[in-house]
N, C-alpha and C. Protein backbone atom coordinates (compact mmCIF):
# COMPACT_ATOMS: atom_id res chain seq x y z
N MET A 1 88.88 142.51 164.70
CA MET A 1 88.81 142.59 163.26
C MET A 1 87.48 143.22 162.87
N LYS A 2 87.55 144.21 162.00
CA LYS A 2 86.35 144.90 161.54
C LYS A 2 85.66 144.07 160.46
N THR A 3 84.38 143.84 160.61
CA THR A 3 83.62 143.09 159.62
C THR A 3 83.18 144.03 158.51
N PRO A 4 83.52 143.71 157.26
CA PRO A 4 83.14 144.61 156.17
C PRO A 4 81.64 144.54 155.92
N PRO A 5 81.05 145.63 155.42
CA PRO A 5 79.62 145.60 155.10
C PRO A 5 79.36 144.72 153.89
N ILE A 6 78.17 144.18 153.81
CA ILE A 6 77.78 143.37 152.66
C ILE A 6 77.15 144.30 151.63
N LEU A 7 77.68 144.28 150.41
CA LEU A 7 77.21 145.17 149.36
C LEU A 7 76.31 144.43 148.38
N VAL A 8 75.16 144.01 148.86
CA VAL A 8 74.22 143.29 148.03
C VAL A 8 72.91 144.06 148.03
N ASN A 9 72.36 144.29 146.85
CA ASN A 9 71.12 145.03 146.73
C ASN A 9 70.14 144.15 145.96
N PHE A 10 69.11 143.64 146.63
CA PHE A 10 68.13 142.84 145.92
C PHE A 10 66.75 143.08 146.47
N SER A 11 65.76 142.91 145.59
CA SER A 11 64.37 143.03 145.99
C SER A 11 63.51 142.28 144.99
N LYS A 12 62.37 141.85 145.47
CA LYS A 12 61.40 141.16 144.62
C LYS A 12 60.47 142.23 144.09
N ILE A 13 60.53 142.50 142.76
CA ILE A 13 59.72 143.59 142.22
C ILE A 13 58.38 143.11 141.67
N LYS A 14 58.27 141.83 141.39
CA LYS A 14 57.02 141.18 141.00
C LYS A 14 57.11 139.76 141.54
N PRO A 15 56.00 139.04 141.61
CA PRO A 15 56.08 137.66 142.11
C PRO A 15 57.05 136.79 141.31
N GLU A 16 57.23 137.11 140.03
CA GLU A 16 58.10 136.27 139.20
C GLU A 16 59.41 136.97 138.83
N LEU A 17 59.73 138.13 139.45
CA LEU A 17 60.90 138.90 139.04
C LEU A 17 61.70 139.36 140.26
N LEU A 18 63.01 139.08 140.24
CA LEU A 18 63.92 139.49 141.31
C LEU A 18 64.88 140.52 140.75
N LEU A 19 65.06 141.62 141.47
CA LEU A 19 66.05 142.63 141.09
C LEU A 19 67.24 142.44 142.01
N LEU A 20 68.38 142.04 141.44
CA LEU A 20 69.58 141.76 142.22
C LEU A 20 70.72 142.59 141.66
N ASN A 21 71.25 143.49 142.49
CA ASN A 21 72.32 144.40 142.06
C ASN A 21 71.97 145.04 140.72
N PHE A 22 70.73 145.51 140.62
CA PHE A 22 70.22 146.27 139.48
C PHE A 22 70.08 145.44 138.20
N LYS A 23 70.08 144.12 138.32
CA LYS A 23 69.82 143.24 137.17
C LYS A 23 68.58 142.43 137.47
N LYS A 24 67.72 142.26 136.46
CA LYS A 24 66.46 141.54 136.64
C LYS A 24 66.66 140.06 136.33
N TYR A 25 66.10 139.20 137.16
CA TYR A 25 66.14 137.75 136.98
C TYR A 25 64.73 137.21 137.13
N LYS A 26 64.31 136.34 136.21
CA LYS A 26 63.02 135.68 136.34
C LYS A 26 63.13 134.62 137.42
N ILE A 27 62.14 134.58 138.30
CA ILE A 27 62.12 133.59 139.36
C ILE A 27 61.38 132.37 138.84
N LYS A 28 62.03 131.24 138.85
CA LYS A 28 61.44 129.99 138.40
C LYS A 28 61.46 129.01 139.55
N ASP A 29 60.95 127.82 139.32
CA ASP A 29 60.96 126.80 140.36
C ASP A 29 62.37 126.38 140.73
N GLU A 30 63.28 126.37 139.74
CA GLU A 30 64.65 125.97 140.03
C GLU A 30 65.41 127.15 140.64
N PHE A 31 66.47 126.87 141.34
CA PHE A 31 67.25 127.91 141.97
C PHE A 31 68.41 128.31 141.08
N TYR A 32 68.68 129.59 141.01
CA TYR A 32 69.86 130.11 140.34
C TYR A 32 70.85 130.55 141.40
N ILE A 33 72.10 130.56 141.04
CA ILE A 33 73.10 131.08 141.96
C ILE A 33 73.38 132.52 141.56
N PHE A 34 73.27 133.42 142.52
CA PHE A 34 73.53 134.83 142.27
C PHE A 34 74.83 135.21 142.96
N TYR A 35 75.55 136.15 142.36
CA TYR A 35 76.84 136.57 142.89
C TYR A 35 76.86 138.08 143.05
N SER A 36 77.64 138.52 144.00
CA SER A 36 77.93 139.92 144.17
C SER A 36 79.36 140.02 144.66
N GLY A 37 79.99 141.15 144.46
CA GLY A 37 81.39 141.28 144.87
C GLY A 37 81.64 142.58 145.59
N ALA A 38 82.73 142.61 146.33
CA ALA A 38 83.11 143.81 147.07
C ALA A 38 84.62 143.93 147.07
N ALA A 39 85.12 145.15 146.93
CA ALA A 39 86.56 145.39 146.98
C ALA A 39 86.88 146.20 148.22
N TYR A 40 87.91 145.81 148.91
CA TYR A 40 88.31 146.49 150.13
C TYR A 40 89.82 146.61 150.16
N ASP A 41 90.29 147.43 151.07
CA ASP A 41 91.72 147.38 151.36
C ASP A 41 91.98 146.04 152.00
N ASN A 42 93.20 145.75 152.28
CA ASN A 42 93.55 144.42 152.78
C ASN A 42 92.88 144.11 154.12
N PHE A 43 92.32 142.90 154.21
CA PHE A 43 91.82 142.40 155.47
C PHE A 43 93.01 141.96 156.31
N SER A 44 92.78 141.72 157.58
CA SER A 44 93.87 141.30 158.46
C SER A 44 94.45 139.95 158.06
N ASN A 45 93.68 139.13 157.35
CA ASN A 45 94.17 137.82 156.93
C ASN A 45 94.88 137.86 155.58
N GLY A 46 95.12 139.06 155.05
CA GLY A 46 95.83 139.20 153.79
C GLY A 46 94.94 139.19 152.57
N MET A 47 93.64 138.95 152.77
CA MET A 47 92.73 138.92 151.64
C MET A 47 92.30 140.34 151.29
N ALA A 48 91.88 140.55 150.05
CA ALA A 48 91.58 141.91 149.60
C ALA A 48 90.17 142.10 149.09
N GLY A 49 89.41 141.04 148.87
CA GLY A 49 88.07 141.18 148.33
C GLY A 49 87.16 140.07 148.81
N LEU A 50 85.89 140.22 148.54
CA LEU A 50 84.88 139.23 148.91
C LEU A 50 84.01 138.91 147.70
N ILE A 51 83.64 137.65 147.56
CA ILE A 51 82.62 137.26 146.59
C ILE A 51 81.48 136.62 147.36
N PHE A 52 80.27 137.17 147.18
CA PHE A 52 79.08 136.64 147.85
C PHE A 52 78.32 135.76 146.88
N GLU A 53 77.66 134.73 147.41
CA GLU A 53 76.93 133.78 146.57
C GLU A 53 75.66 133.34 147.28
N THR A 54 74.56 133.22 146.51
CA THR A 54 73.33 132.67 147.04
C THR A 54 72.64 131.85 145.96
N SER A 55 71.84 130.91 146.37
CA SER A 55 71.09 130.11 145.40
C SER A 55 69.63 130.52 145.37
N GLY A 56 69.35 131.78 145.63
CA GLY A 56 68.00 132.29 145.51
C GLY A 56 67.24 132.36 146.82
N ASN A 57 67.80 131.80 147.88
CA ASN A 57 67.13 131.90 149.17
C ASN A 57 67.73 133.09 149.93
N SER A 58 67.43 133.23 151.18
CA SER A 58 67.92 134.38 151.93
C SER A 58 69.29 134.16 152.56
N ILE A 59 69.90 133.00 152.35
CA ILE A 59 71.21 132.72 152.94
C ILE A 59 72.29 133.03 151.92
N TRP A 60 73.23 133.90 152.31
CA TRP A 60 74.35 134.26 151.45
C TRP A 60 75.63 133.68 152.04
N THR A 61 76.43 133.06 151.21
CA THR A 61 77.75 132.63 151.64
C THR A 61 78.77 133.57 151.02
N PHE A 62 79.97 133.61 151.58
CA PHE A 62 80.99 134.47 150.98
C PHE A 62 82.34 133.78 151.06
N GLN A 63 83.21 134.20 150.18
CA GLN A 63 84.59 133.72 150.23
C GLN A 63 85.52 134.90 150.05
N ASN A 64 86.60 134.89 150.81
CA ASN A 64 87.63 135.90 150.65
C ASN A 64 88.48 135.55 149.44
N VAL A 65 88.92 136.55 148.72
CA VAL A 65 89.85 136.35 147.61
C VAL A 65 91.04 137.27 147.83
N ASP A 66 92.18 136.90 147.24
CA ASP A 66 93.41 137.64 147.54
C ASP A 66 93.67 138.78 146.57
N TYR A 67 92.64 139.31 145.93
CA TYR A 67 92.78 140.46 145.05
C TYR A 67 91.51 141.30 145.18
N PRO A 68 91.63 142.62 145.04
CA PRO A 68 90.44 143.46 145.08
C PRO A 68 89.54 143.17 143.89
N ILE A 69 88.25 143.28 144.08
CA ILE A 69 87.28 143.07 143.00
C ILE A 69 86.73 144.42 142.59
N ASN A 70 86.93 144.79 141.34
CA ASN A 70 86.41 146.07 140.85
C ASN A 70 85.03 145.94 140.25
N SER A 71 84.73 144.78 139.72
CA SER A 71 83.44 144.59 139.05
C SER A 71 83.08 143.12 139.07
N ILE A 72 81.81 142.85 139.22
CA ILE A 72 81.33 141.47 139.09
C ILE A 72 80.04 141.53 138.29
N SER A 73 79.93 140.68 137.30
CA SER A 73 78.80 140.75 136.40
C SER A 73 78.43 139.36 135.93
N SER A 74 77.16 139.16 135.64
CA SER A 74 76.74 137.86 135.14
C SER A 74 76.46 137.97 133.65
N TYR A 75 76.91 136.96 132.93
CA TYR A 75 76.67 136.89 131.49
C TYR A 75 75.31 136.23 131.23
N SER A 76 74.94 135.32 132.07
CA SER A 76 73.66 134.63 131.95
C SER A 76 73.24 134.22 133.36
N ASP A 77 72.27 133.31 133.44
CA ASP A 77 71.83 132.85 134.75
C ASP A 77 72.92 132.08 135.48
N SER A 78 73.94 131.60 134.77
CA SER A 78 74.91 130.73 135.43
C SER A 78 76.37 131.08 135.16
N ILE A 79 76.67 132.09 134.35
CA ILE A 79 78.06 132.44 134.06
C ILE A 79 78.35 133.81 134.64
N VAL A 80 79.37 133.88 135.50
CA VAL A 80 79.69 135.11 136.21
C VAL A 80 81.16 135.45 136.01
N PHE A 81 81.45 136.74 135.79
CA PHE A 81 82.81 137.21 135.66
C PHE A 81 83.09 138.23 136.75
N ALA A 82 84.24 138.13 137.38
CA ALA A 82 84.69 139.13 138.35
C ALA A 82 86.01 139.68 137.84
N VAL A 83 86.19 141.00 137.90
CA VAL A 83 87.41 141.63 137.40
C VAL A 83 88.14 142.27 138.57
N GLY A 84 89.41 141.92 138.72
CA GLY A 84 90.25 142.49 139.76
C GLY A 84 90.89 143.79 139.32
N ASP A 85 91.59 144.47 140.23
CA ASP A 85 92.15 145.78 139.91
C ASP A 85 93.27 145.74 138.89
N SER A 86 93.90 144.60 138.68
CA SER A 86 94.96 144.50 137.68
C SER A 86 94.41 144.02 136.34
N GLY A 87 93.10 143.90 136.22
CA GLY A 87 92.49 143.38 135.02
C GLY A 87 92.34 141.87 135.05
N TYR A 88 92.73 141.24 136.16
CA TYR A 88 92.63 139.80 136.32
C TYR A 88 91.16 139.41 136.31
N ILE A 89 90.78 138.44 135.49
CA ILE A 89 89.38 138.04 135.36
C ILE A 89 89.20 136.65 135.94
N VAL A 90 88.18 136.50 136.77
CA VAL A 90 87.83 135.22 137.36
C VAL A 90 86.43 134.88 136.86
N THR A 91 86.21 133.63 136.50
CA THR A 91 84.87 133.21 136.09
C THR A 91 84.55 131.89 136.78
N ASN A 92 83.27 131.67 137.01
CA ASN A 92 82.86 130.42 137.67
C ASN A 92 82.68 129.29 136.67
N LYS A 93 82.88 129.52 135.39
CA LYS A 93 82.75 128.50 134.35
C LYS A 93 83.95 128.58 133.43
N ASP A 94 84.39 127.42 132.90
CA ASP A 94 85.40 127.42 131.86
C ASP A 94 84.77 127.98 130.59
N LEU A 95 85.54 128.75 129.85
CA LEU A 95 85.04 129.28 128.59
C LEU A 95 84.91 128.14 127.59
N GLN A 96 83.78 128.04 126.96
CA GLN A 96 83.51 126.95 126.03
C GLN A 96 83.57 127.48 124.61
N THR A 97 84.62 127.14 123.90
CA THR A 97 84.72 127.58 122.52
C THR A 97 84.66 126.42 121.54
N ASN A 98 84.71 125.19 122.03
CA ASN A 98 84.67 124.00 121.17
C ASN A 98 85.75 124.02 120.11
N ILE A 99 86.93 124.52 120.44
CA ILE A 99 88.03 124.60 119.50
C ILE A 99 89.17 123.74 120.00
N SER A 100 89.56 122.76 119.21
CA SER A 100 90.65 121.89 119.64
C SER A 100 91.99 122.46 119.20
N LYS A 101 93.06 122.06 119.88
CA LYS A 101 94.39 122.52 119.52
C LYS A 101 94.78 122.06 118.12
N TYR A 102 94.26 120.93 117.69
CA TYR A 102 94.56 120.43 116.35
C TYR A 102 94.20 121.47 115.30
N TYR A 103 93.01 122.04 115.41
CA TYR A 103 92.57 123.01 114.41
C TYR A 103 93.32 124.32 114.52
N LEU A 104 93.73 124.70 115.72
CA LEU A 104 94.46 125.96 115.88
C LEU A 104 95.81 125.91 115.18
N ASN A 105 96.38 124.74 114.98
CA ASN A 105 97.68 124.62 114.35
C ASN A 105 97.60 124.43 112.84
N GLU A 106 96.40 124.44 112.28
CA GLU A 106 96.25 124.27 110.84
C GLU A 106 96.87 125.44 110.11
N ASN A 107 97.56 125.16 109.01
CA ASN A 107 98.17 126.21 108.20
C ASN A 107 97.40 126.47 106.92
N LYS A 108 96.20 125.92 106.79
CA LYS A 108 95.42 126.11 105.58
C LYS A 108 94.79 127.50 105.52
N ILE A 109 94.64 128.13 106.67
CA ILE A 109 94.00 129.44 106.74
C ILE A 109 95.06 130.47 107.11
N HIS A 110 95.02 131.61 106.42
CA HIS A 110 95.92 132.72 106.73
C HIS A 110 95.06 133.94 107.00
N VAL A 111 95.35 134.65 108.10
CA VAL A 111 94.59 135.83 108.49
C VAL A 111 95.57 136.96 108.72
N PHE A 112 95.30 138.10 108.09
CA PHE A 112 96.17 139.26 108.29
C PHE A 112 95.35 140.52 108.11
N PRO A 113 95.77 141.67 108.66
CA PRO A 113 96.81 141.76 109.68
C PRO A 113 96.31 141.18 110.99
N ASN A 114 97.21 140.76 111.80
CA ASN A 114 96.88 140.18 113.10
C ASN A 114 97.95 140.58 114.10
N PRO A 115 97.62 141.45 115.04
CA PRO A 115 96.30 142.00 115.41
C PRO A 115 95.82 143.05 114.40
N SER A 116 94.52 143.37 114.51
CA SER A 116 93.91 144.32 113.59
C SER A 116 92.89 145.18 114.34
N GLN A 117 92.66 146.39 113.80
CA GLN A 117 91.66 147.28 114.38
C GLN A 117 90.42 147.41 113.50
N ASN A 118 90.61 147.38 112.17
CA ASN A 118 89.53 147.73 111.26
C ASN A 118 88.97 146.57 110.45
N GLU A 119 89.85 145.82 109.81
CA GLU A 119 89.40 144.71 108.98
C GLU A 119 90.46 143.63 108.96
N ILE A 120 90.00 142.43 108.65
CA ILE A 120 90.93 141.31 108.50
C ILE A 120 90.71 140.69 107.12
N VAL A 121 91.79 140.16 106.59
CA VAL A 121 91.73 139.46 105.32
C VAL A 121 91.93 137.98 105.63
N ILE A 122 91.02 137.15 105.15
CA ILE A 122 91.09 135.71 105.38
C ILE A 122 91.39 135.04 104.05
N VAL A 123 92.48 134.30 104.01
CA VAL A 123 92.89 133.61 102.78
C VAL A 123 92.98 132.13 103.09
N TYR A 124 92.40 131.33 102.23
CA TYR A 124 92.45 129.88 102.36
C TYR A 124 93.38 129.36 101.28
N GLU A 125 94.12 128.26 101.53
CA GLU A 125 95.11 127.74 100.58
C GLU A 125 94.53 127.54 99.19
N SER A 126 93.30 127.09 99.11
CA SER A 126 92.63 126.98 97.81
C SER A 126 91.48 127.96 97.82
N GLU A 127 90.80 128.08 96.70
CA GLU A 127 89.69 129.03 96.63
C GLU A 127 88.55 128.63 97.57
N PHE A 128 87.83 129.63 98.04
CA PHE A 128 86.59 129.35 98.76
C PHE A 128 85.59 128.88 97.71
N ILE A 129 85.00 127.75 97.93
CA ILE A 129 84.05 127.23 96.96
C ILE A 129 82.67 127.13 97.60
N VAL A 130 81.70 126.87 96.77
CA VAL A 130 80.33 126.75 97.26
C VAL A 130 80.29 125.74 98.40
N GLY A 131 79.63 126.11 99.48
CA GLY A 131 79.53 125.21 100.63
C GLY A 131 80.49 125.55 101.75
N LYS A 132 81.51 126.35 101.48
CA LYS A 132 82.44 126.75 102.54
C LYS A 132 81.77 127.83 103.40
N GLU A 133 82.02 127.76 104.69
CA GLU A 133 81.47 128.74 105.62
C GLU A 133 82.58 129.33 106.45
N ILE A 134 82.43 130.60 106.77
CA ILE A 134 83.34 131.27 107.69
C ILE A 134 82.52 131.71 108.89
N GLU A 135 83.02 131.38 110.09
CA GLU A 135 82.41 131.87 111.33
C GLU A 135 83.51 132.53 112.14
N ILE A 136 83.16 133.64 112.77
CA ILE A 136 84.06 134.27 113.73
C ILE A 136 83.39 134.15 115.09
N LEU A 137 84.13 133.56 116.04
CA LEU A 137 83.61 133.33 117.39
C LEU A 137 84.36 134.20 118.38
N ASN A 138 83.64 134.73 119.38
CA ASN A 138 84.32 135.48 120.44
C ASN A 138 84.87 134.50 121.47
N ASN A 139 85.47 135.02 122.53
CA ASN A 139 86.10 134.13 123.52
C ASN A 139 85.10 133.36 124.38
N LEU A 140 83.81 133.62 124.21
CA LEU A 140 82.78 132.84 124.90
C LEU A 140 82.24 131.74 124.00
N GLY A 141 82.75 131.68 122.77
CA GLY A 141 82.28 130.68 121.83
C GLY A 141 81.04 131.09 121.06
N GLN A 142 80.64 132.35 121.20
CA GLN A 142 79.46 132.85 120.49
C GLN A 142 79.85 133.25 119.08
N VAL A 143 79.01 132.92 118.11
CA VAL A 143 79.26 133.31 116.73
C VAL A 143 78.89 134.78 116.56
N VAL A 144 79.88 135.61 116.19
CA VAL A 144 79.65 137.04 115.99
C VAL A 144 79.63 137.41 114.52
N PHE A 145 80.03 136.47 113.66
CA PHE A 145 80.00 136.68 112.21
C PHE A 145 79.85 135.32 111.55
N HIS A 146 79.00 135.23 110.54
CA HIS A 146 78.81 133.96 109.82
C HIS A 146 78.44 134.29 108.38
N GLN A 147 79.11 133.61 107.46
CA GLN A 147 78.76 133.81 106.06
C GLN A 147 79.19 132.60 105.24
N LYS A 148 78.36 132.23 104.27
CA LYS A 148 78.71 131.19 103.30
C LYS A 148 79.31 131.91 102.09
N TYR A 149 80.25 131.23 101.44
CA TYR A 149 80.93 131.86 100.32
C TYR A 149 80.86 131.04 99.07
N SER A 150 80.81 131.76 97.95
CA SER A 150 80.98 131.13 96.65
C SER A 150 82.44 131.35 96.26
N ILE A 151 82.80 131.10 95.02
CA ILE A 151 84.20 131.14 94.60
C ILE A 151 84.81 132.53 94.86
N SER A 152 85.95 132.54 95.54
CA SER A 152 86.68 133.77 95.86
C SER A 152 88.05 133.39 96.38
N GLU A 153 89.06 134.23 96.12
CA GLU A 153 90.41 133.94 96.60
C GLU A 153 90.61 134.36 98.04
N LYS A 154 89.94 135.42 98.44
CA LYS A 154 90.10 135.92 99.81
C LYS A 154 88.80 136.58 100.26
N MET A 155 88.73 136.78 101.55
CA MET A 155 87.59 137.45 102.16
C MET A 155 88.10 138.61 102.99
N ILE A 156 87.40 139.72 102.94
CA ILE A 156 87.72 140.86 103.80
C ILE A 156 86.53 141.04 104.74
N VAL A 157 86.81 141.04 106.04
CA VAL A 157 85.75 141.16 107.04
C VAL A 157 86.00 142.43 107.85
N ASN A 158 85.00 143.30 107.92
CA ASN A 158 85.08 144.52 108.71
C ASN A 158 84.86 144.16 110.18
N ILE A 159 85.84 144.47 111.04
CA ILE A 159 85.73 144.15 112.46
C ILE A 159 85.72 145.40 113.34
N VAL A 160 85.49 146.57 112.72
CA VAL A 160 85.51 147.83 113.47
C VAL A 160 84.56 147.80 114.66
N GLU A 161 83.38 147.22 114.48
CA GLU A 161 82.37 147.21 115.54
C GLU A 161 82.58 146.11 116.58
N PHE A 162 83.53 145.20 116.34
CA PHE A 162 83.79 144.14 117.31
C PHE A 162 84.46 144.74 118.54
N PRO A 163 84.09 144.31 119.74
CA PRO A 163 84.82 144.74 120.94
C PRO A 163 86.27 144.23 120.90
N ILE A 164 87.16 144.93 121.55
CA ILE A 164 88.56 144.51 121.65
C ILE A 164 88.60 143.14 122.32
N GLY A 165 89.41 142.23 121.77
CA GLY A 165 89.51 140.91 122.37
C GLY A 165 90.07 139.88 121.42
N ILE A 166 89.98 138.63 121.84
CA ILE A 166 90.47 137.49 121.06
C ILE A 166 89.29 136.86 120.33
N TYR A 167 89.48 136.54 119.07
CA TYR A 167 88.46 135.90 118.25
C TYR A 167 89.04 134.69 117.54
N PHE A 168 88.18 133.77 117.16
CA PHE A 168 88.59 132.57 116.43
C PHE A 168 87.85 132.54 115.10
N ILE A 169 88.61 132.37 114.02
CA ILE A 169 88.03 132.29 112.69
C ILE A 169 87.98 130.83 112.30
N LYS A 170 86.78 130.34 112.06
CA LYS A 170 86.58 128.93 111.75
C LYS A 170 86.10 128.78 110.31
N VAL A 171 86.83 127.98 109.54
CA VAL A 171 86.43 127.67 108.17
C VAL A 171 85.96 126.23 108.14
N SER A 172 84.78 126.00 107.58
CA SER A 172 84.25 124.63 107.52
C SER A 172 83.54 124.42 106.18
N ASP A 173 83.29 123.16 105.89
CA ASP A 173 82.49 122.80 104.72
C ASP A 173 81.56 121.66 105.12
N GLU A 174 80.95 121.02 104.15
CA GLU A 174 79.99 119.96 104.45
C GLU A 174 80.59 118.83 105.26
N SER A 175 81.89 118.60 105.11
CA SER A 175 82.54 117.48 105.81
C SER A 175 82.99 117.84 107.22
N GLY A 176 82.95 119.11 107.59
CA GLY A 176 83.34 119.51 108.94
C GLY A 176 84.30 120.69 108.94
N ILE A 177 85.00 120.86 110.05
CA ILE A 177 85.91 121.98 110.22
C ILE A 177 87.17 121.74 109.40
N ILE A 178 87.55 122.75 108.62
CA ILE A 178 88.78 122.68 107.83
C ILE A 178 89.95 123.24 108.63
N GLY A 179 89.72 124.34 109.33
CA GLY A 179 90.77 124.94 110.13
C GLY A 179 90.26 126.12 110.92
N ILE A 180 91.04 126.51 111.94
CA ILE A 180 90.69 127.63 112.81
C ILE A 180 91.94 128.45 113.06
N LYS A 181 91.78 129.78 113.03
CA LYS A 181 92.88 130.68 113.35
C LYS A 181 92.42 131.65 114.43
N LYS A 182 93.36 132.02 115.27
CA LYS A 182 93.09 133.01 116.33
C LYS A 182 93.49 134.38 115.81
N VAL A 183 92.67 135.39 116.08
CA VAL A 183 92.98 136.76 115.68
C VAL A 183 92.67 137.68 116.86
N THR A 184 93.43 138.75 116.99
CA THR A 184 93.25 139.71 118.07
C THR A 184 92.72 141.01 117.51
N LYS A 185 91.63 141.52 118.08
CA LYS A 185 91.08 142.83 117.73
C LYS A 185 91.61 143.83 118.74
N THR A 186 92.31 144.86 118.24
CA THR A 186 92.88 145.88 119.14
C THR A 186 92.11 147.17 119.06
């Protein structure tokens, strides 16, 4: 069996800075886990890719995966995404959006068109009053749009600059979340 080469590129560029696969990481007392990936034709055991992992020392572990890896990238010091050739995405962390199914089924909020490319219209069963807030969260739970509203029947939000993906529109007031709707940006 032919052993595949390890495709990891790292160097210490300053005493406090590590360059790993062309990304800079600050070196601290605590250890971070770094990842790298490789895509190959099928191995003899039926596996098609490798994911390498280290906790900042010189020892790298690896695991075979049953799909080729086209890209592996870190979102932060601890969240990593790997993308397979079919667009299949693997992450080492569950996506945290803090959205319960209860709120997703609320009918108080209406969003159209859905899916949308340019803008969305958000309508609430009653008027938006002082103290109501609208937040749009991406699939990582990050707020990409936030605004407080005074009296209005509807809101129009320009989403042209948003990357393609799934977003959650959250309406809340002083007492908490009123409702959440899912919208797709195409």
